Amino acid sequence: MFYRIVKIFYLMTEKRRLIYFQNPQRCVASHAEHVRIYEALAMRDRARAVELVHSHLQGVDGYWHDLIDATTLPTPGRSQEPPFPS
């Protein structure tokens, strides 16, 4: 069931990930988070895995909300062009 949910999410967010992972530091940080999640699952540490997944999703969600806010809220002296291609 988890695989199916993640696969659907993965397919739905392909274009977003192309933008997000243009930053190499995000690639490294995201990979490290996924490795920690995998290790918790491999150790069958349910509580740790849930904590790590929750933290990971909050970070990703926060990034996208910040990006959306930055592109929709007017800021004096800043171009209103989005920071990524449409």
PDB file of N, CA and C in Angstrom:
ATOM      1  N   MET A   1       0.825  -1.185   0.000  1.00  0.00           N
ATOM      2  CA  MET A   1       0.000   0.000   0.000  1.00  0.00           C
ATOM      3  C   MET A   1       0.874   1.257   0.000  1.00  0.00           C
ATOM      4  N   PHE A   2       1.904   1.272   0.837  1.00  0.00           N
ATOM      5  CA  PHE A   2       2.801   2.428   0.898  1.00  0.00           C
ATOM      6  C   PHE A   2       3.440   2.682  -0.464  1.00  0.00           C
ATOM      7  N   TYR A   3       3.897   1.619  -1.105  1.00  0.00           N
ATOM      8  CA  TYR A   3       4.511   1.739  -2.427  1.00  0.00           C
ATOM      9  C   TYR A   3       3.549   2.392  -3.411  1.00  0.00           C
ATOM     10  N   ARG A   4       2.302   1.977  -3.407  1.00  0.00           N
ATOM     11  CA  ARG A   4       1.323   2.548  -4.339  1.00  0.00           C
ATOM     12  C   ARG A   4       1.113   4.040  -4.094  1.00  0.00           C
ATOM     13  N   ILE A   5       1.019   4.417  -2.840  1.00  0.00           N
ATOM     14  CA  ILE A   5       0.829   5.833  -2.511  1.00  0.00           C
ATOM     15  C   ILE A   5       2.038   6.645  -2.960  1.00  0.00           C
ATOM     16  N   VAL A   6       3.227   6.158  -2.635  1.00  0.00           N
ATOM     17  CA  VAL A   6       4.445   6.879  -3.001  1.00  0.00           C
ATOM     18  C   VAL A   6       4.597   6.963  -4.514  1.00  0.00           C
ATOM     19  N   LYS A   7       4.265   5.881  -5.209  1.00  0.00           N
ATOM     20  CA  LYS A   7       4.383   5.876  -6.670  1.00  0.00           C
ATOM     21  C   LYS A   7       3.448   6.917  -7.290  1.00  0.00           C
ATOM     22  N   ILE A   8       2.230   6.987  -6.807  1.00  0.00           N
ATOM     23  CA  ILE A   8       1.280   7.980  -7.320  1.00  0.00           C
ATOM     24  C   ILE A   8       1.805   9.387  -7.060  1.00  0.00           C
ATOM     25  N   PHE A   9       2.278   9.614  -5.839  1.00  0.00           N
ATOM     26  CA  PHE A   9       2.842  10.922  -5.496  1.00  0.00           C
ATOM     27  C   PHE A   9       4.025  11.245  -6.403  1.00  0.00           C
ATOM     28  N   TYR A  10       4.875  10.274  -6.613  1.00  0.00           N
ATOM     29  CA  TYR A  10       6.071  10.452  -7.451  1.00  0.00           C
ATOM     30  C   TYR A  10       5.676  10.873  -8.868  1.00  0.00           C
ATOM     31  N   LEU A  11       4.694  10.207  -9.435  1.00  0.00           N
ATOM     32  CA  LEU A  11       4.247  10.532 -10.787  1.00  0.00           C
ATOM     33  C   LEU A  11       3.594  11.913 -10.847  1.00  0.00           C
ATOM     34  N   MET A  12       2.833  12.263  -9.816  1.00  0.00           N
ATOM     35  CA  MET A  12       2.127  13.545  -9.807  1.00  0.00           C
ATOM     36  C   MET A  12       3.063  14.733  -9.617  1.00  0.00           C
ATOM     37  N   THR A  13       4.224  14.509  -9.036  1.00  0.00           N
ATOM     38  CA  THR A  13       5.112  15.630  -8.699  1.00  0.00           C
ATOM     39  C   THR A  13       6.355  15.705  -9.578  1.00  0.00           C
ATOM     40  N   GLU A  14       6.349  15.029 -10.695  1.00  0.00           N
ATOM     41  CA  GLU A  14       7.543  14.985 -11.543  1.00  0.00           C
ATOM     42  C   GLU A  14       8.047  16.380 -11.918  1.00  0.00           C
ATOM     43  N   LYS A  15       7.171  17.240 -12.378  1.00  0.00           N
ATOM     44  CA  LYS A  15       7.600  18.578 -12.802  1.00  0.00           C
ATOM     45  C   LYS A  15       8.099  19.402 -11.621  1.00  0.00           C
ATOM     46  N   ARG A  16       7.457  19.264 -10.482  1.00  0.00           N
ATOM     47  CA  ARG A  16       7.909  19.989  -9.296  1.00  0.00           C
ATOM     48  C   ARG A  16       9.307  19.542  -8.886  1.00  0.00           C
ATOM     49  N   ARG A  17       9.547  18.251  -8.942  1.00  0.00           N
ATOM     50  CA  ARG A  17      10.856  17.735  -8.550  1.00  0.00           C
ATOM     51  C   ARG A  17      11.957  18.215  -9.480  1.00  0.00           C
ATOM     52  N   LEU A  18      11.656  18.386 -10.750  1.00  0.00           N
ATOM     53  CA  LEU A  18      12.656  18.905 -11.683  1.00  0.00           C
ATOM     54  C   LEU A  18      13.108  20.296 -11.255  1.00  0.00           C
ATOM     55  N   ILE A  19      12.173  21.091 -10.766  1.00  0.00           N
ATOM     56  CA  ILE A  19      12.499  22.433 -10.283  1.00  0.00           C
ATOM     57  C   ILE A  19      13.236  22.339  -8.955  1.00  0.00           C
ATOM     58  N   TYR A  20      12.683  21.575  -8.040  1.00  0.00           N
ATOM     59  CA  TYR A  20      13.233  21.473  -6.687  1.00  0.00           C
ATOM     60  C   TYR A  20      14.678  20.994  -6.689  1.00  0.00           C
ATOM     61  N   PHE A  21      14.972  20.003  -7.506  1.00  0.00           N
ATOM     62  CA  PHE A  21      16.292  19.401  -7.475  1.00  0.00           C
ATOM     63  C   PHE A  21      17.305  20.072  -8.407  1.00  0.00           C
ATOM     64  N   GLN A  22      16.986  21.251  -8.900  1.00  0.00           N
ATOM     65  CA  GLN A  22      17.985  22.031  -9.617  1.00  0.00           C
ATOM     66  C   GLN A  22      19.080  22.496  -8.657  1.00  0.00           C
ATOM     67  N   ASN A  23      18.765  22.532  -7.386  1.00  0.00           N
ATOM     68  CA  ASN A  23      19.719  22.921  -6.353  1.00  0.00           C
ATOM     69  C   ASN A  23      20.428  21.659  -5.848  1.00  0.00           C
ATOM     70  N   PRO A  24      21.742  21.522  -6.066  1.00  0.00           N
ATOM     71  CA  PRO A  24      22.459  20.304  -5.663  1.00  0.00           C
ATOM     72  C   PRO A  24      22.400  20.027  -4.161  1.00  0.00           C
ATOM     73  N   GLN A  25      22.352  21.064  -3.327  1.00  0.00           N
ATOM     74  CA  GLN A  25      22.273  20.831  -1.885  1.00  0.00           C
ATOM     75  C   GLN A  25      20.965  20.147  -1.511  1.00  0.00           C
ATOM     76  N   ARG A  26      19.903  20.471  -2.225  1.00  0.00           N
ATOM     77  CA  ARG A  26      18.619  19.814  -1.964  1.00  0.00           C
ATOM     78  C   ARG A  26      18.701  18.333  -2.314  1.00  0.00           C
ATOM     79  N   CYS A  27      19.425  18.016  -3.370  1.00  0.00           N
ATOM     80  CA  CYS A  27      19.596  16.608  -3.759  1.00  0.00           C
ATOM     81  C   CYS A  27      20.275  15.828  -2.634  1.00  0.00           C
ATOM     82  N   VAL A  28      21.360  16.382  -2.121  1.00  0.00           N
ATOM     83  CA  VAL A  28      22.121  15.717  -1.060  1.00  0.00           C
ATOM     84  C   VAL A  28      21.265  15.581   0.200  1.00  0.00           C
ATOM     85  N   ALA A  29      20.602  16.659   0.604  1.00  0.00           N
ATOM     86  CA  ALA A  29      19.798  16.634   1.817  1.00  0.00           C
ATOM     87  C   ALA A  29      18.625  15.663   1.691  1.00  0.00           C
ATOM     88  N   SER A  30      17.964  15.682   0.542  1.00  0.00           N
ATOM     89  CA  SER A  30      16.833  14.790   0.328  1.00  0.00           C
ATOM     90  C   SER A  30      17.275  13.332   0.346  1.00  0.00           C
ATOM     91  N   HIS A  31      18.390  13.041  -0.305  1.00  0.00           N
ATOM     92  CA  HIS A  31      18.901  11.671  -0.310  1.00  0.00           C
ATOM     93  C   HIS A  31      19.209  11.205   1.111  1.00  0.00           C
ATOM     94  N   ALA A  32      19.842  12.076   1.898  1.00  0.00           N
ATOM     95  CA  ALA A  32      20.173  11.728   3.287  1.00  0.00           C
ATOM     96  C   ALA A  32      18.899  11.458   4.095  1.00  0.00           C
ATOM     97  N   GLU A  33      17.866  12.263   3.879  1.00  0.00           N
ATOM     98  CA  GLU A  33      16.599  12.033   4.583  1.00  0.00           C
ATOM     99  C   GLU A  33      16.002  10.686   4.189  1.00  0.00           C
ATOM    100  N   HIS A  34      16.038  10.381   2.907  1.00  0.00           N
ATOM    101  CA  HIS A  34      15.487   9.103   2.447  1.00  0.00           C
ATOM    102  C   HIS A  34      16.292   7.918   2.980  1.00  0.00           C
ATOM    103  N   VAL A  35      17.593   8.065   3.078  1.00  0.00           N
ATOM    104  CA  VAL A  35      18.424   6.996   3.634  1.00  0.00           C
ATOM    105  C   VAL A  35      18.050   6.761   5.098  1.00  0.00           C
ATOM    106  N   ARG A  36      17.864   7.835   5.864  1.00  0.00           N
ATOM    107  CA  ARG A  36      17.476   7.677   7.273  1.00  0.00           C
ATOM    108  C   ARG A  36      16.110   7.008   7.394  1.00  0.00           C
ATOM    109  N   ILE A  37      15.183   7.369   6.520  1.00  0.00           N
ATOM    110  CA  ILE A  37      13.864   6.720   6.529  1.00  0.00           C
ATOM    111  C   ILE A  37      14.015   5.229   6.214  1.00  0.00           C
ATOM    112  N   TYR A  38      14.795   4.918   5.200  1.00  0.00           N
ATOM    113  CA  TYR A  38      15.026   3.519   4.825  1.00  0.00           C
ATOM    114  C   TYR A  38      15.639   2.737   5.989  1.00  0.00           C
ATOM    115  N   GLU A  39      16.632   3.330   6.628  1.00  0.00           N
ATOM    116  CA  GLU A  39      17.294   2.644   7.747  1.00  0.00           C
ATOM    117  C   GLU A  39      16.321   2.382   8.894  1.00  0.00           C
ATOM    118  N   ALA A  40      15.465   3.339   9.184  1.00  0.00           N
ATOM    119  CA  ALA A  40      14.466   3.132  10.241  1.00  0.00           C
ATOM    120  C   ALA A  40      13.513   2.003   9.862  1.00  0.00           C
ATOM    121  N   LEU A  41      13.105   1.976   8.600  1.00  0.00           N
ATOM    122  CA  LEU A  41      12.228   0.889   8.143  1.00  0.00           C
ATOM    123  C   LEU A  41      12.945  -0.457   8.203  1.00  0.00           C
ATOM    124  N   ALA A  42      14.201  -0.482   7.779  1.00  0.00           N
ATOM    125  CA  ALA A  42      14.969  -1.729   7.795  1.00  0.00           C
ATOM    126  C   ALA A  42      15.137  -2.252   9.221  1.00  0.00           C
ATOM    127  N   MET A  43      15.244  -1.335  10.180  1.00  0.00           N
ATOM    128  CA  MET A  43      15.377  -1.727  11.590  1.00  0.00           C
ATOM    129  C   MET A  43      14.011  -1.980  12.240  1.00  0.00           C
ATOM    130  N   ARG A  44      12.966  -1.820  11.435  1.00  0.00           N
ATOM    131  CA  ARG A  44      11.580  -1.994  11.905  1.00  0.00           C
ATOM    132  C   ARG A  44      11.245  -1.057  13.069  1.00  0.00           C
ATOM    133  N   ASP A  45      11.849   0.127  13.011  1.00  0.00           N
ATOM    134  CA  ASP A  45      11.602   1.152  14.018  1.00  0.00           C
ATOM    135  C   ASP A  45      10.475   2.043  13.506  1.00  0.00           C
ATOM    136  N   ARG A  46       9.257   1.595  13.738  1.00  0.00           N
ATOM    137  CA  ARG A  46       8.084   2.263  13.208  1.00  0.00           C
ATOM    138  C   ARG A  46       8.004   3.718  13.675  1.00  0.00           C
ATOM    139  N   ALA A  47       8.196   3.939  14.955  1.00  0.00           N
ATOM    140  CA  ALA A  47       8.074   5.296  15.500  1.00  0.00           C
ATOM    141  C   ALA A  47       9.079   6.242  14.845  1.00  0.00           C
ATOM    142  N   ARG A  48      10.303   5.781  14.676  1.00  0.00           N
ATOM    143  CA  ARG A  48      11.344   6.620  14.049  1.00  0.00           C
ATOM    144  C   ARG A  48      11.020   6.869  12.577  1.00  0.00           C
ATOM    145  N   ALA A  49      10.569   5.831  11.882  1.00  0.00           N
ATOM    146  CA  ALA A  49      10.224   5.984  10.465  1.00  0.00           C
ATOM    147  C   ALA A  49       9.090   6.994  10.290  1.00  0.00           C
ATOM    148  N   VAL A  50       8.061   6.895  11.121  1.00  0.00           N
ATOM    149  CA  VAL A  50       6.936   7.832  11.047  1.00  0.00           C
ATOM    150  C   VAL A  50       7.420   9.249  11.320  1.00  0.00           C
ATOM    151  N   GLU A  51       8.258   9.399  12.342  1.00  0.00           N
ATOM    152  CA  GLU A  51       8.809  10.714  12.679  1.00  0.00           C
ATOM    153  C   GLU A  51       9.604  11.297  11.511  1.00  0.00           C
ATOM    154  N   LEU A  52      10.447  10.481  10.896  1.00  0.00           N
ATOM    155  CA  LEU A  52      11.282  10.950   9.784  1.00  0.00           C
ATOM    156  C   LEU A  52      10.449  11.302   8.549  1.00  0.00           C
ATOM    157  N   VAL A  53       9.459  10.474   8.227  1.00  0.00           N
ATOM    158  CA  VAL A  53       8.596  10.758   7.074  1.00  0.00           C
ATOM    159  C   VAL A  53       7.818  12.048   7.322  1.00  0.00           C
ATOM    160  N   HIS A  54       7.288  12.187   8.520  1.00  0.00           N
ATOM    161  CA  HIS A  54       6.536  13.398   8.852  1.00  0.00           C
ATOM    162  C   HIS A  54       7.420  14.638   8.706  1.00  0.00           C
ATOM    163  N   SER A  55       8.618  14.570   9.247  1.00  0.00           N
ATOM    164  CA  SER A  55       9.557  15.688   9.161  1.00  0.00           C
ATOM    165  C   SER A  55       9.905  15.998   7.703  1.00  0.00           C
ATOM    166  N   HIS A  56      10.157  14.952   6.925  1.00  0.00           N
ATOM    167  CA  HIS A  56      10.502  15.117   5.514  1.00  0.00           C
ATOM    168  C   HIS A  56       9.361  15.806   4.758  1.00  0.00           C
ATOM    169  N   LEU A  57       8.157  15.341   4.963  1.00  0.00           N
ATOM    170  CA  LEU A  57       7.015  15.912   4.244  1.00  0.00           C
ATOM    171  C   LEU A  57       6.734  17.345   4.695  1.00  0.00           C
ATOM    172  N   GLN A  58       6.947  17.649   5.954  1.00  0.00           N
ATOM    173  CA  GLN A  58       6.776  19.027   6.418  1.00  0.00           C
ATOM    174  C   GLN A  58       7.787  19.954   5.740  1.00  0.00           C
ATOM    175  N   GLY A  59       9.024  19.488   5.604  1.00  0.00           N
ATOM    176  CA  GLY A  59      10.046  20.292   4.951  1.00  0.00           C
ATOM    177  C   GLY A  59       9.724  20.565   3.499  1.00  0.00           C
ATOM    178  N   VAL A  60       9.275  19.545   2.808  1.00  0.00           N
ATOM    179  CA  VAL A  60       8.917  19.691   1.394  1.00  0.00           C
ATOM    180  C   VAL A  60       7.698  20.598   1.258  1.00  0.00           C
ATOM    181  N   ASP A  61       6.711  20.374   2.099  1.00  0.00           N
ATOM    182  CA  ASP A  61       5.504  21.194   2.054  1.00  0.00           C
ATOM    183  C   ASP A  61       5.844  22.661   2.333  1.00  0.00           C
ATOM    184  N   GLY A  62       6.699  22.896   3.316  1.00  0.00           N
ATOM    185  CA  GLY A  62       7.110  24.265   3.639  1.00  0.00           C
ATOM    186  C   GLY A  62       7.815  24.935   2.476  1.00  0.00           C
ATOM    187  N   TYR A  63       8.673  24.182   1.790  1.00  0.00           N
ATOM    188  CA  TYR A  63       9.385  24.733   0.629  1.00  0.00           C
ATOM    189  C   TYR A  63       8.382  25.190  -0.427  1.00  0.00           C
ATOM    190  N   TRP A  64       7.410  24.351  -0.754  1.00  0.00           N
ATOM    191  CA  TRP A  64       6.466  24.695  -1.816  1.00  0.00           C
ATOM    192  C   TRP A  64       5.563  25.845  -1.405  1.00  0.00           C
ATOM    193  N   HIS A  65       5.148  25.890  -0.148  1.00  0.00           N
ATOM    194  CA  HIS A  65       4.334  27.023   0.303  1.00  0.00           C
ATOM    195  C   HIS A  65       5.131  28.320   0.237  1.00  0.00           C
ATOM    196  N   ASP A  66       6.394  28.286   0.651  1.00  0.00           N
ATOM    197  CA  ASP A  66       7.239  29.471   0.569  1.00  0.00           C
ATOM    198  C   ASP A  66       7.411  29.919  -0.880  1.00  0.00           C
ATOM    199  N   LEU A  67       7.615  28.970  -1.777  1.00  0.00           N
ATOM    200  CA  LEU A  67       7.791  29.297  -3.191  1.00  0.00           C
ATOM    201  C   LEU A  67       6.521  29.900  -3.770  1.00  0.00           C
ATOM    202  N   ILE A  68       5.378  29.321  -3.444  1.00  0.00           N
ATOM    203  CA  ILE A  68       4.102  29.844  -3.944  1.00  0.00           C
ATOM    204  C   ILE A  68       3.866  31.250  -3.396  1.00  0.00           C
ATOM    205  N   ASP A  69       4.114  31.439  -2.101  1.00  0.00           N
ATOM    206  CA  ASP A  69       3.945  32.765  -1.504  1.00  0.00           C
ATOM    207  C   ASP A  69       4.868  33.783  -2.159  1.00  0.00           C
ATOM    208  N   ALA A  70       6.096  33.382  -2.427  1.00  0.00           N
ATOM    209  CA  ALA A  70       7.073  34.299  -3.025  1.00  0.00           C
ATOM    210  C   ALA A  70       6.681  34.698  -4.436  1.00  0.00           C
ATOM    211  N   THR A  71       5.948  33.849  -5.123  1.00  0.00           N
ATOM    212  CA  THR A  71       5.588  34.156  -6.503  1.00  0.00           C
ATOM    213  C   THR A  71       4.220  34.810  -6.622  1.00  0.00           C
ATOM    214  N   THR A  72       3.426  34.827  -5.542  1.00  0.00           N
ATOM    215  CA  THR A  72       2.089  35.403  -5.642  1.00  0.00           C
ATOM    216  C   THR A  72       1.911  36.680  -4.837  1.00  0.00           C
ATOM    217  N   LEU A  73       2.738  36.888  -3.818  1.00  0.00           N
ATOM    218  CA  LEU A  73       2.604  38.088  -3.013  1.00  0.00           C
ATOM    219  C   LEU A  73       3.487  39.206  -3.570  1.00  0.00           C
ATOM    220  N   PRO A  74       2.926  40.385  -3.782  1.00  0.00           N
ATOM    221  CA  PRO A  74       3.744  41.482  -4.297  1.00  0.00           C
ATOM    222  C   PRO A  74       4.768  41.934  -3.257  1.00  0.00           C
ATOM    223  N   THR A  75       5.996  42.115  -3.710  1.00  0.00           N
ATOM    224  CA  THR A  75       7.071  42.611  -2.868  1.00  0.00           C
ATOM    225  C   THR A  75       7.662  43.830  -3.559  1.00  0.00           C
ATOM    226  N   PRO A  76       7.706  44.973  -2.848  1.00  0.00           N
ATOM    227  CA  PRO A  76       8.251  46.189  -3.473  1.00  0.00           C
ATOM    228  C   PRO A  76       9.669  45.957  -4.005  1.00  0.00           C
ATOM    229  N   GLY A  77       9.898  46.394  -5.232  1.00  0.00           N
ATOM    230  CA  GLY A  77      11.226  46.304  -5.817  1.00  0.00           C
ATOM    231  C   GLY A  77      11.590  44.955  -6.396  1.00  0.00           C
ATOM    232  N   ARG A  78      10.674  43.999  -6.351  1.00  0.00           N
ATOM    233  CA  ARG A  78      10.977  42.677  -6.885  1.00  0.00           C
ATOM    234  C   ARG A  78      10.076  42.375  -8.062  1.00  0.00           C
ATOM    235  N   SER A  79      10.648  41.781  -9.073  1.00  0.00           N
ATOM    236  CA  SER A  79       9.897  41.374 -10.242  1.00  0.00           C
ATOM    237  C   SER A  79       8.833  40.371  -9.836  1.00  0.00           C
ATOM    238  N   GLN A  80       7.694  40.409 -10.479  1.00  0.00           N
ATOM    239  CA  GLN A  80       6.625  39.458 -10.196  1.00  0.00           C
ATOM    240  C   GLN A  80       6.731  38.209 -11.055  1.00  0.00           C
ATOM    241  N   GLU A  81       7.825  38.080 -11.801  1.00  0.00           N
ATOM    242  CA  GLU A  81       8.031  36.882 -12.600  1.00  0.00           C
ATOM    243  C   GLU A  81       8.337  35.704 -11.671  1.00  0.00           C
ATOM    244  N   PRO A  82       7.763  34.531 -11.913  1.00  0.00           N
ATOM    245  CA  PRO A  82       8.075  33.380 -11.066  1.00  0.00           C
ATOM    246  C   PRO A  82       9.533  32.999 -11.213  1.00  0.00           C
ATOM    247  N   PRO A  83      10.132  32.404 -10.144  1.00  0.00           N
ATOM    248  CA  PRO A  83      11.550  32.067 -10.184  1.00  0.00           C
ATOM    249  C   PRO A  83      11.857  30.792 -10.958  1.00  0.00           C
ATOM    250  N   PHE A  84      10.868  30.265 -11.662  1.00  0.00           N
ATOM    251  CA  PHE A  84      11.072  29.069 -12.437  1.00  0.00           C
ATOM    252  C   PHE A  84      10.244  29.143 -13.706  1.00  0.00           C
ATOM    253  N   PRO A  85      10.611  28.398 -14.729  1.00  0.00           N
ATOM    254  CA  PRO A  85       9.841  28.445 -15.978  1.00  0.00           C
ATOM    255  C   PRO A  85       8.469  27.846 -15.821  1.00  0.00           C
ATOM    256  N   SER A  86       7.503  28.378 -16.553  1.00  0.00           N
ATOM    257  CA  SER A  86       6.127  27.855 -16.500  1.00  0.00           C
ATOM    258  C   SER A  86       6.015  26.542 -17.206  1.00  0.00           C
TER     259      SER A  86
END
